[in-house]
Amino acid sequence: MTRDDASSDGDQSPPLVTQRTTGEDRVRMVARQLTEPRTANWIASEADWSYEPTKRVLERLVDNGVIRRDDDGQHTTYCPDYRHQAMREAMALCDDAGSVEELTDRLSEVKTQIQEWKSTYDVSSPNELRATIADADLNSDEEAERRDIARTWEHLKGRLEIVRFAIREWDFLSSSAAFVEASD
């Protein structure tokens, strides 16, 4: 949310998110939503907070493994630590699933869906499916459907690894496992 998001009735008060959160909270929110490397100045601007305190918060997030700092370029940038994100996603999957069997069923469903696409379109990857758009005489709806399937397929391929990890590490990641260990 930026400063330009003030209400349309001429009210010049700060946006609600700025009124109800601290600068540190906003920096954390922005940093956790990064999808590409960004400078501390960019993050400070998005969080509507000054540079120096933003930099201190970012350094704490780096120290805690939430984001990574890259000093290789012309400017220091910050980006997500994908290992940390993958671990959080795996824990969320375990928390949402009632059991390791339910998570295994989800894995099977995703693998079955991918196999169906492979069989239906006689391809072995999302890019091969995209290539069929040029090769086949398709109307615009069919082309759009194949593009959508290719995007979904790529997304599911990435999720498969996280789901496999969550299944493999169920005993460690599931919240019920932590409770059982604590009660022993």
N, C-alpha and C. Protein backbone atom coordinates (compact mmCIF):
# COMPACT_ATOMS: atom_id res chain seq x y z
N MET A 1 0.85 -1.16 0.00
CA MET A 1 0.00 0.00 0.00
C MET A 1 0.90 1.23 0.00
N THR A 2 0.60 2.20 -0.80
CA THR A 2 1.42 3.39 -0.88
C THR A 2 0.67 4.58 -0.32
N ARG A 3 1.35 5.70 -0.23
CA ARG A 3 0.72 6.91 0.30
C ARG A 3 -0.41 7.40 -0.58
N ASP A 4 -0.42 7.00 -1.84
CA ASP A 4 -1.46 7.44 -2.77
C ASP A 4 -2.78 6.72 -2.56
N ASP A 5 -2.80 5.75 -1.65
CA ASP A 5 -4.00 4.96 -1.44
C ASP A 5 -4.97 5.60 -0.46
N ALA A 6 -4.81 6.87 -0.17
CA ALA A 6 -5.73 7.56 0.73
C ALA A 6 -7.14 7.51 0.16
N SER A 7 -8.11 7.68 1.02
CA SER A 7 -9.49 7.55 0.57
C SER A 7 -9.82 8.58 -0.50
N SER A 8 -10.78 8.26 -1.34
CA SER A 8 -11.12 9.10 -2.49
C SER A 8 -11.94 10.33 -2.12
N ASP A 9 -12.40 10.44 -0.88
CA ASP A 9 -13.22 11.59 -0.51
C ASP A 9 -12.38 12.79 -0.10
N GLY A 10 -11.09 12.76 -0.41
CA GLY A 10 -10.24 13.90 -0.12
C GLY A 10 -9.54 13.80 1.22
N ASP A 11 -9.83 12.80 1.99
CA ASP A 11 -9.20 12.60 3.29
C ASP A 11 -7.71 12.34 3.06
N GLN A 12 -6.85 13.14 3.66
CA GLN A 12 -5.42 13.00 3.48
C GLN A 12 -4.75 12.26 4.64
N SER A 13 -5.54 11.53 5.43
CA SER A 13 -4.95 10.77 6.53
C SER A 13 -4.14 9.60 5.98
N PRO A 14 -3.14 9.12 6.73
CA PRO A 14 -2.33 8.00 6.26
C PRO A 14 -3.18 6.76 6.04
N PRO A 15 -2.74 5.88 5.15
CA PRO A 15 -3.49 4.63 4.92
C PRO A 15 -3.66 3.85 6.22
N LEU A 16 -4.71 3.07 6.30
CA LEU A 16 -5.05 2.32 7.50
C LEU A 16 -3.90 1.41 7.93
N VAL A 17 -3.23 0.76 6.97
CA VAL A 17 -2.14 -0.14 7.33
C VAL A 17 -1.03 0.62 8.02
N THR A 18 -0.78 1.87 7.65
CA THR A 18 0.25 2.68 8.29
C THR A 18 -0.20 3.11 9.67
N GLN A 19 -1.47 3.36 9.85
CA GLN A 19 -1.99 3.79 11.13
C GLN A 19 -1.96 2.68 12.17
N ARG A 20 -2.13 1.44 11.75
CA ARG A 20 -2.32 0.34 12.69
C ARG A 20 -1.14 -0.61 12.81
N THR A 21 -0.04 -0.33 12.13
CA THR A 21 1.13 -1.18 12.23
C THR A 21 2.36 -0.33 12.49
N THR A 22 3.36 -0.94 13.08
CA THR A 22 4.62 -0.22 13.27
C THR A 22 5.44 -0.30 11.99
N GLY A 23 6.42 0.57 11.88
CA GLY A 23 7.31 0.53 10.73
C GLY A 23 8.01 -0.80 10.62
N GLU A 24 8.43 -1.34 11.76
CA GLU A 24 9.10 -2.64 11.77
C GLU A 24 8.19 -3.74 11.24
N ASP A 25 6.92 -3.72 11.65
CA ASP A 25 5.96 -4.71 11.15
C ASP A 25 5.80 -4.60 9.64
N ARG A 26 5.73 -3.37 9.15
CA ARG A 26 5.55 -3.17 7.70
C ARG A 26 6.77 -3.65 6.93
N VAL A 27 7.96 -3.41 7.46
CA VAL A 27 9.18 -3.90 6.80
C VAL A 27 9.15 -5.43 6.73
N ARG A 28 8.79 -6.07 7.85
CA ARG A 28 8.69 -7.54 7.86
C ARG A 28 7.68 -8.03 6.83
N MET A 29 6.53 -7.36 6.75
CA MET A 29 5.51 -7.76 5.78
C MET A 29 6.03 -7.65 4.35
N VAL A 30 6.66 -6.52 4.04
CA VAL A 30 7.20 -6.32 2.69
C VAL A 30 8.28 -7.35 2.40
N ALA A 31 9.19 -7.56 3.34
CA ALA A 31 10.31 -8.49 3.13
C ALA A 31 9.82 -9.91 2.91
N ARG A 32 8.80 -10.32 3.62
CA ARG A 32 8.29 -11.69 3.47
C ARG A 32 7.54 -11.89 2.16
N GLN A 33 7.13 -10.81 1.53
CA GLN A 33 6.39 -10.91 0.27
C GLN A 33 7.27 -10.68 -0.95
N LEU A 34 8.56 -10.50 -0.75
CA LEU A 34 9.45 -10.27 -1.89
C LEU A 34 9.42 -11.46 -2.84
N THR A 35 9.40 -11.16 -4.13
CA THR A 35 9.46 -12.20 -5.14
C THR A 35 10.71 -12.07 -5.98
N GLU A 36 11.44 -10.97 -5.78
CA GLU A 36 12.68 -10.74 -6.49
C GLU A 36 13.58 -9.88 -5.61
N PRO A 37 14.88 -9.87 -5.88
CA PRO A 37 15.79 -9.07 -5.05
C PRO A 37 15.43 -7.59 -5.09
N ARG A 38 15.46 -6.95 -3.92
CA ARG A 38 15.14 -5.53 -3.80
C ARG A 38 16.12 -4.87 -2.85
N THR A 39 16.36 -3.57 -3.04
CA THR A 39 17.25 -2.82 -2.16
C THR A 39 16.52 -2.42 -0.89
N ALA A 40 17.31 -2.04 0.13
CA ALA A 40 16.73 -1.57 1.38
C ALA A 40 15.92 -0.30 1.14
N ASN A 41 16.37 0.56 0.22
CA ASN A 41 15.62 1.78 -0.10
C ASN A 41 14.24 1.45 -0.66
N TRP A 42 14.18 0.47 -1.55
CA TRP A 42 12.90 0.08 -2.14
C TRP A 42 11.97 -0.46 -1.06
N ILE A 43 12.51 -1.32 -0.20
CA ILE A 43 11.71 -1.91 0.88
C ILE A 43 11.24 -0.82 1.84
N ALA A 44 12.14 0.12 2.19
CA ALA A 44 11.76 1.22 3.08
C ALA A 44 10.62 2.04 2.47
N SER A 45 10.70 2.30 1.19
CA SER A 45 9.66 3.06 0.51
C SER A 45 8.32 2.31 0.54
N GLU A 46 8.37 1.03 0.24
CA GLU A 46 7.14 0.23 0.25
C GLU A 46 6.54 0.15 1.66
N ALA A 47 7.40 0.11 2.67
CA ALA A 47 6.94 0.01 4.05
C ALA A 47 6.60 1.37 4.65
N ASP A 48 6.87 2.42 3.88
CA ASP A 48 6.62 3.79 4.35
C ASP A 48 7.34 4.05 5.66
N TRP A 49 8.65 3.73 5.66
CA TRP A 49 9.48 3.91 6.84
C TRP A 49 10.85 4.38 6.40
N SER A 50 11.63 4.93 7.28
CA SER A 50 12.93 5.47 6.90
C SER A 50 13.97 4.37 6.68
N TYR A 51 15.04 4.75 5.99
CA TYR A 51 16.05 3.80 5.54
C TYR A 51 16.80 3.10 6.68
N GLU A 52 17.35 3.83 7.60
CA GLU A 52 18.21 3.23 8.65
C GLU A 52 17.49 2.18 9.49
N PRO A 53 16.30 2.49 10.03
CA PRO A 53 15.62 1.43 10.80
C PRO A 53 15.20 0.26 9.91
N THR A 54 14.87 0.55 8.66
CA THR A 54 14.53 -0.54 7.73
C THR A 54 15.73 -1.46 7.56
N LYS A 55 16.89 -0.89 7.38
CA LYS A 55 18.11 -1.68 7.21
C LYS A 55 18.38 -2.55 8.44
N ARG A 56 18.17 -2.00 9.63
CA ARG A 56 18.37 -2.80 10.85
C ARG A 56 17.41 -3.99 10.91
N VAL A 57 16.16 -3.76 10.55
CA VAL A 57 15.18 -4.86 10.55
C VAL A 57 15.57 -5.91 9.52
N LEU A 58 15.97 -5.45 8.34
CA LEU A 58 16.39 -6.39 7.29
C LEU A 58 17.57 -7.24 7.74
N GLU A 59 18.53 -6.63 8.42
CA GLU A 59 19.68 -7.39 8.90
C GLU A 59 19.27 -8.44 9.93
N ARG A 60 18.30 -8.10 10.79
CA ARG A 60 17.80 -9.11 11.74
C ARG A 60 17.11 -10.26 11.00
N LEU A 61 16.36 -9.93 9.96
CA LEU A 61 15.70 -10.98 9.17
C LEU A 61 16.73 -11.86 8.47
N VAL A 62 17.84 -11.27 8.02
CA VAL A 62 18.92 -12.05 7.42
C VAL A 62 19.52 -12.97 8.49
N ASP A 63 19.81 -12.41 9.67
CA ASP A 63 20.39 -13.20 10.76
C ASP A 63 19.49 -14.36 11.17
N ASN A 64 18.18 -14.16 11.06
CA ASN A 64 17.21 -15.20 11.43
C ASN A 64 16.90 -16.16 10.29
N GLY A 65 17.51 -15.95 9.13
CA GLY A 65 17.32 -16.86 8.00
C GLY A 65 16.02 -16.68 7.25
N VAL A 66 15.33 -15.57 7.46
CA VAL A 66 14.06 -15.33 6.77
C VAL A 66 14.30 -14.84 5.34
N ILE A 67 15.30 -13.95 5.18
CA ILE A 67 15.66 -13.45 3.86
C ILE A 67 17.18 -13.58 3.70
N ARG A 68 17.64 -13.39 2.47
CA ARG A 68 19.08 -13.43 2.19
C ARG A 68 19.53 -12.06 1.72
N ARG A 69 20.78 -11.74 2.01
CA ARG A 69 21.38 -10.50 1.54
C ARG A 69 22.36 -10.87 0.43
N ASP A 70 22.35 -10.09 -0.65
CA ASP A 70 23.26 -10.31 -1.77
C ASP A 70 24.08 -9.04 -1.96
N ASP A 71 25.39 -9.14 -1.69
CA ASP A 71 26.28 -7.99 -1.81
C ASP A 71 27.06 -8.00 -3.12
N ASP A 72 26.75 -8.91 -4.03
CA ASP A 72 27.53 -9.07 -5.26
C ASP A 72 27.33 -7.98 -6.29
N GLY A 73 26.17 -7.39 -6.36
CA GLY A 73 25.88 -6.39 -7.39
C GLY A 73 26.33 -5.00 -7.00
N GLN A 74 25.87 -4.04 -7.78
CA GLN A 74 26.19 -2.64 -7.53
C GLN A 74 25.58 -2.17 -6.21
N HIS A 75 24.40 -2.70 -5.87
CA HIS A 75 23.71 -2.35 -4.63
C HIS A 75 23.42 -3.63 -3.86
N THR A 76 23.44 -3.55 -2.56
CA THR A 76 23.04 -4.69 -1.74
C THR A 76 21.54 -4.90 -1.91
N THR A 77 21.16 -6.14 -2.15
CA THR A 77 19.74 -6.46 -2.30
C THR A 77 19.35 -7.54 -1.31
N TYR A 78 18.07 -7.64 -1.08
CA TYR A 78 17.50 -8.63 -0.18
C TYR A 78 16.48 -9.44 -0.96
N CYS A 79 16.46 -10.74 -0.72
CA CYS A 79 15.51 -11.60 -1.41
C CYS A 79 15.07 -12.72 -0.47
N PRO A 80 14.02 -13.42 -0.82
CA PRO A 80 13.54 -14.49 0.04
C PRO A 80 14.59 -15.58 0.18
N ASP A 81 14.62 -16.20 1.33
CA ASP A 81 15.42 -17.40 1.53
C ASP A 81 14.46 -18.56 1.22
N TYR A 82 14.62 -19.12 0.04
CA TYR A 82 13.67 -20.12 -0.43
C TYR A 82 13.67 -21.37 0.43
N ARG A 83 14.79 -21.66 1.08
CA ARG A 83 14.82 -22.81 1.99
C ARG A 83 13.89 -22.55 3.17
N HIS A 84 13.93 -21.36 3.70
CA HIS A 84 13.06 -21.00 4.82
C HIS A 84 11.60 -21.05 4.39
N GLN A 85 11.32 -20.52 3.20
CA GLN A 85 9.95 -20.55 2.70
C GLN A 85 9.47 -21.98 2.49
N ALA A 86 10.34 -22.84 1.94
CA ALA A 86 9.96 -24.23 1.70
C ALA A 86 9.67 -24.94 3.02
N MET A 87 10.47 -24.65 4.02
CA MET A 87 10.25 -25.27 5.34
C MET A 87 8.91 -24.81 5.91
N ARG A 88 8.62 -23.51 5.80
CA ARG A 88 7.34 -22.99 6.30
C ARG A 88 6.17 -23.63 5.55
N GLU A 89 6.31 -23.76 4.22
CA GLU A 89 5.25 -24.39 3.43
C GLU A 89 5.06 -25.85 3.83
N ALA A 90 6.15 -26.56 4.05
CA ALA A 90 6.06 -27.96 4.46
C ALA A 90 5.37 -28.08 5.81
N MET A 91 5.70 -27.19 6.75
CA MET A 91 5.05 -27.22 8.06
C MET A 91 3.56 -26.90 7.93
N ALA A 92 3.22 -25.95 7.06
CA ALA A 92 1.81 -25.61 6.85
C ALA A 92 1.06 -26.79 6.25
N LEU A 93 1.69 -27.49 5.30
CA LEU A 93 1.06 -28.68 4.73
C LEU A 93 0.79 -29.72 5.81
N CYS A 94 1.76 -29.95 6.68
CA CYS A 94 1.59 -30.91 7.76
C CYS A 94 0.49 -30.46 8.72
N ASP A 95 0.45 -29.18 9.02
CA ASP A 95 -0.57 -28.67 9.93
C ASP A 95 -1.97 -28.79 9.33
N ASP A 96 -2.08 -28.57 8.00
CA ASP A 96 -3.38 -28.62 7.34
C ASP A 96 -3.87 -30.05 7.15
N ALA A 97 -2.93 -30.96 6.97
CA ALA A 97 -3.31 -32.36 6.72
C ALA A 97 -3.65 -33.02 8.05
N GLY A 98 -4.65 -33.85 8.02
CA GLY A 98 -5.03 -34.56 9.24
C GLY A 98 -4.07 -35.68 9.58
N SER A 99 -3.38 -36.19 8.56
CA SER A 99 -2.47 -37.30 8.78
C SER A 99 -1.48 -37.37 7.62
N VAL A 100 -0.46 -38.17 7.81
CA VAL A 100 0.50 -38.36 6.73
C VAL A 100 -0.17 -39.06 5.55
N GLU A 101 -1.18 -39.86 5.82
CA GLU A 101 -1.93 -40.52 4.74
C GLU A 101 -2.67 -39.51 3.88
N GLU A 102 -3.27 -38.51 4.53
CA GLU A 102 -3.98 -37.47 3.77
C GLU A 102 -3.00 -36.70 2.88
N LEU A 103 -1.83 -36.41 3.40
CA LEU A 103 -0.81 -35.72 2.61
C LEU A 103 -0.33 -36.61 1.45
N THR A 104 -0.20 -37.89 1.71
CA THR A 104 0.19 -38.84 0.66
C THR A 104 -0.89 -38.91 -0.41
N ASP A 105 -2.15 -38.84 -0.02
CA ASP A 105 -3.25 -38.81 -0.99
C ASP A 105 -3.16 -37.57 -1.88
N ARG A 106 -2.82 -36.42 -1.28
CA ARG A 106 -2.66 -35.19 -2.07
C ARG A 106 -1.54 -35.35 -3.09
N LEU A 107 -0.44 -35.95 -2.65
CA LEU A 107 0.68 -36.20 -3.55
C LEU A 107 0.24 -37.08 -4.72
N SER A 108 -0.49 -38.11 -4.43
CA SER A 108 -0.98 -39.02 -5.48
C SER A 108 -1.91 -38.30 -6.46
N GLU A 109 -2.78 -37.44 -5.93
CA GLU A 109 -3.69 -36.68 -6.79
C GLU A 109 -2.93 -35.78 -7.76
N VAL A 110 -1.90 -35.11 -7.26
CA VAL A 110 -1.11 -34.22 -8.11
C VAL A 110 -0.38 -35.03 -9.17
N LYS A 111 0.23 -36.13 -8.77
CA LYS A 111 0.95 -36.97 -9.74
C LYS A 111 0.00 -37.54 -10.79
N THR A 112 -1.21 -37.91 -10.38
CA THR A 112 -2.20 -38.43 -11.32
C THR A 112 -2.61 -37.35 -12.32
N GLN A 113 -2.81 -36.12 -11.83
CA GLN A 113 -3.19 -35.02 -12.71
C GLN A 113 -2.10 -34.78 -13.76
N ILE A 114 -0.86 -34.77 -13.35
CA ILE A 114 0.25 -34.56 -14.29
C ILE A 114 0.31 -35.70 -15.30
N GLN A 115 0.12 -36.91 -14.84
CA GLN A 115 0.11 -38.06 -15.77
C GLN A 115 -1.02 -37.94 -16.79
N GLU A 116 -2.19 -37.47 -16.35
CA GLU A 116 -3.31 -37.28 -17.27
C GLU A 116 -2.97 -36.26 -18.35
N TRP A 117 -2.31 -35.16 -17.96
CA TRP A 117 -1.90 -34.16 -18.96
C TRP A 117 -0.89 -34.74 -19.93
N LYS A 118 0.04 -35.52 -19.42
CA LYS A 118 1.04 -36.15 -20.29
C LYS A 118 0.36 -37.05 -21.32
N SER A 119 -0.59 -37.84 -20.86
CA SER A 119 -1.31 -38.76 -21.76
C SER A 119 -2.23 -38.02 -22.73
N THR A 120 -2.99 -37.10 -22.22
CA THR A 120 -3.96 -36.37 -23.04
C THR A 120 -3.29 -35.63 -24.18
N TYR A 121 -2.16 -34.96 -23.88
CA TYR A 121 -1.51 -34.12 -24.89
C TYR A 121 -0.26 -34.76 -25.51
N ASP A 122 0.05 -35.99 -25.07
CA ASP A 122 1.21 -36.73 -25.58
C ASP A 122 2.49 -35.89 -25.48
N VAL A 123 2.73 -35.36 -24.28
CA VAL A 123 3.91 -34.54 -23.99
C VAL A 123 4.50 -35.00 -22.66
N SER A 124 5.71 -34.55 -22.38
CA SER A 124 6.33 -34.94 -21.11
C SER A 124 6.71 -33.76 -20.22
N SER A 125 6.40 -32.54 -20.67
CA SER A 125 6.73 -31.36 -19.85
C SER A 125 5.80 -30.20 -20.20
N PRO A 126 5.73 -29.22 -19.32
CA PRO A 126 4.92 -28.04 -19.60
C PRO A 126 5.37 -27.31 -20.87
N ASN A 127 6.66 -27.23 -21.11
CA ASN A 127 7.14 -26.55 -22.32
C ASN A 127 6.78 -27.31 -23.58
N GLU A 128 6.79 -28.63 -23.51
CA GLU A 128 6.34 -29.41 -24.67
C GLU A 128 4.86 -29.14 -24.94
N LEU A 129 4.09 -28.99 -23.88
CA LEU A 129 2.67 -28.66 -24.05
C LEU A 129 2.52 -27.29 -24.70
N ARG A 130 3.32 -26.33 -24.27
CA ARG A 130 3.28 -25.00 -24.89
C ARG A 130 3.63 -25.08 -26.38
N ALA A 131 4.59 -25.93 -26.71
CA ALA A 131 5.01 -26.06 -28.11
C ALA A 131 3.88 -26.61 -28.98
N THR A 132 2.95 -27.36 -28.40
CA THR A 132 1.84 -27.90 -29.20
C THR A 132 0.91 -26.80 -29.68
N ILE A 133 0.97 -25.64 -29.05
CA ILE A 133 0.14 -24.51 -29.47
C ILE A 133 0.53 -24.09 -30.88
N ALA A 134 1.83 -24.09 -31.15
CA ALA A 134 2.31 -23.72 -32.48
C ALA A 134 2.08 -24.83 -33.49
N ASP A 135 2.15 -26.06 -33.04
CA ASP A 135 2.05 -27.20 -33.95
C ASP A 135 0.61 -27.56 -34.33
N ALA A 136 -0.31 -27.30 -33.45
CA ALA A 136 -1.70 -27.72 -33.67
C ALA A 136 -2.56 -26.56 -34.19
N ASP A 137 -3.64 -26.93 -34.87
CA ASP A 137 -4.61 -25.94 -35.34
C ASP A 137 -5.67 -25.78 -34.25
N LEU A 138 -5.42 -24.83 -33.34
CA LEU A 138 -6.27 -24.65 -32.17
C LEU A 138 -6.96 -23.30 -32.21
N ASN A 139 -8.16 -23.25 -31.64
CA ASN A 139 -8.81 -21.95 -31.49
C ASN A 139 -8.25 -21.26 -30.25
N SER A 140 -8.62 -20.02 -30.03
CA SER A 140 -8.04 -19.23 -28.94
C SER A 140 -8.36 -19.82 -27.56
N ASP A 141 -9.54 -20.41 -27.41
CA ASP A 141 -9.89 -21.01 -26.11
C ASP A 141 -9.00 -22.22 -25.83
N GLU A 142 -8.75 -23.04 -26.84
CA GLU A 142 -7.89 -24.21 -26.66
C GLU A 142 -6.44 -23.79 -26.36
N GLU A 143 -5.98 -22.74 -27.03
CA GLU A 143 -4.63 -22.24 -26.76
C GLU A 143 -4.54 -21.74 -25.32
N ALA A 144 -5.53 -20.97 -24.90
CA ALA A 144 -5.54 -20.44 -23.53
C ALA A 144 -5.58 -21.57 -22.51
N GLU A 145 -6.36 -22.61 -22.80
CA GLU A 145 -6.44 -23.75 -21.89
C GLU A 145 -5.08 -24.43 -21.75
N ARG A 146 -4.37 -24.63 -22.86
CA ARG A 146 -3.05 -25.26 -22.80
C ARG A 146 -2.05 -24.40 -22.06
N ARG A 147 -2.10 -23.10 -22.26
CA ARG A 147 -1.21 -22.20 -21.52
C ARG A 147 -1.49 -22.30 -20.02
N ASP A 148 -2.77 -22.30 -19.68
CA ASP A 148 -3.16 -22.38 -18.27
C ASP A 148 -2.71 -23.71 -17.66
N ILE A 149 -2.89 -24.79 -18.38
CA ILE A 149 -2.46 -26.10 -17.90
C ILE A 149 -0.94 -26.12 -17.71
N ALA A 150 -0.20 -25.55 -18.66
CA ALA A 150 1.26 -25.52 -18.55
C ALA A 150 1.70 -24.75 -17.30
N ARG A 151 1.06 -23.60 -17.04
CA ARG A 151 1.40 -22.83 -15.83
C ARG A 151 1.08 -23.62 -14.57
N THR A 152 -0.10 -24.24 -14.55
CA THR A 152 -0.51 -25.04 -13.39
C THR A 152 0.45 -26.22 -13.20
N TRP A 153 0.82 -26.86 -14.29
CA TRP A 153 1.73 -28.00 -14.24
C TRP A 153 3.07 -27.58 -13.63
N GLU A 154 3.61 -26.46 -14.06
CA GLU A 154 4.88 -25.97 -13.49
C GLU A 154 4.74 -25.70 -12.00
N HIS A 155 3.63 -25.09 -11.62
CA HIS A 155 3.39 -24.82 -10.21
C HIS A 155 3.33 -26.13 -9.41
N LEU A 156 2.61 -27.11 -9.94
CA LEU A 156 2.46 -28.38 -9.24
C LEU A 156 3.78 -29.13 -9.14
N LYS A 157 4.61 -29.03 -10.17
CA LYS A 157 5.92 -29.68 -10.11
C LYS A 157 6.73 -29.13 -8.94
N GLY A 158 6.69 -27.83 -8.76
CA GLY A 158 7.39 -27.22 -7.63
C GLY A 158 6.81 -27.65 -6.30
N ARG A 159 5.52 -27.75 -6.22
CA ARG A 159 4.84 -28.17 -4.99
C ARG A 159 5.12 -29.63 -4.66
N LEU A 160 5.30 -30.45 -5.69
CA LEU A 160 5.56 -31.88 -5.46
C LEU A 160 6.76 -32.09 -4.56
N GLU A 161 7.82 -31.35 -4.79
CA GLU A 161 9.03 -31.51 -3.98
C GLU A 161 8.77 -31.14 -2.52
N ILE A 162 7.98 -30.09 -2.31
CA ILE A 162 7.68 -29.68 -0.94
C ILE A 162 6.78 -30.71 -0.26
N VAL A 163 5.80 -31.24 -1.00
CA VAL A 163 4.91 -32.26 -0.43
C VAL A 163 5.71 -33.53 -0.12
N ARG A 164 6.59 -33.93 -1.03
CA ARG A 164 7.45 -35.11 -0.76
C ARG A 164 8.27 -34.90 0.50
N PHE A 165 8.86 -33.72 0.63
CA PHE A 165 9.65 -33.39 1.81
C PHE A 165 8.79 -33.47 3.07
N ALA A 166 7.58 -32.90 3.01
CA ALA A 166 6.68 -32.91 4.17
C ALA A 166 6.31 -34.33 4.57
N ILE A 167 6.12 -35.20 3.60
CA ILE A 167 5.80 -36.61 3.90
C ILE A 167 7.02 -37.29 4.53
N ARG A 168 8.18 -37.09 3.91
CA ARG A 168 9.41 -37.71 4.40
C ARG A 168 9.72 -37.28 5.83
N GLU A 169 9.45 -36.00 6.14
CA GLU A 169 9.80 -35.45 7.45
C GLU A 169 8.58 -35.25 8.35
N TRP A 170 7.50 -35.98 8.08
CA TRP A 170 6.26 -35.83 8.83
C TRP A 170 6.49 -35.86 10.34
N ASP A 171 7.25 -36.83 10.81
CA ASP A 171 7.46 -36.98 12.25
C ASP A 171 8.10 -35.75 12.87
N PHE A 172 8.91 -35.05 12.11
CA PHE A 172 9.58 -33.86 12.61
C PHE A 172 8.72 -32.60 12.44
N LEU A 173 8.01 -32.50 11.31
CA LEU A 173 7.31 -31.27 10.95
C LEU A 173 5.90 -31.14 11.52
N SER A 174 5.23 -32.25 11.74
CA SER A 174 3.83 -32.15 12.14
C SER A 174 3.71 -31.61 13.55
N SER A 175 2.70 -30.78 13.77
CA SER A 175 2.50 -30.19 15.09
C SER A 175 2.12 -31.26 16.11
N SER A 176 1.45 -32.33 15.67
CA SER A 176 1.09 -33.39 16.61
C SER A 176 2.32 -34.15 17.09
N ALA A 177 3.34 -34.27 16.24
CA ALA A 177 4.57 -34.93 16.66
C ALA A 177 5.26 -34.14 17.75
N ALA A 178 5.26 -32.81 17.64
CA ALA A 178 5.87 -31.97 18.65
C ALA A 178 5.13 -32.12 19.98
N PHE A 179 3.80 -32.25 19.92
CA PHE A 179 3.02 -32.40 21.13
C PHE A 179 3.31 -33.74 21.79
N VAL A 180 3.41 -34.80 21.00
CA VAL A 180 3.68 -36.13 21.57
C VAL A 180 5.03 -36.13 22.27
N GLU A 181 6.06 -35.55 21.63
CA GLU A 181 7.39 -35.50 22.23
C GLU A 181 7.37 -34.69 23.52
N ALA A 182 6.64 -33.60 23.54
CA ALA A 182 6.59 -32.74 24.73
C ALA A 182 5.88 -33.43 25.88
N SER A 183 4.96 -34.33 25.58
CA SER A 183 4.19 -34.95 26.64
C SER A 183 4.86 -36.21 27.17
N ASP A 184 5.92 -36.68 26.55
CA ASP A 184 6.63 -37.88 27.03
C ASP A 184 7.39 -37.64 28.29
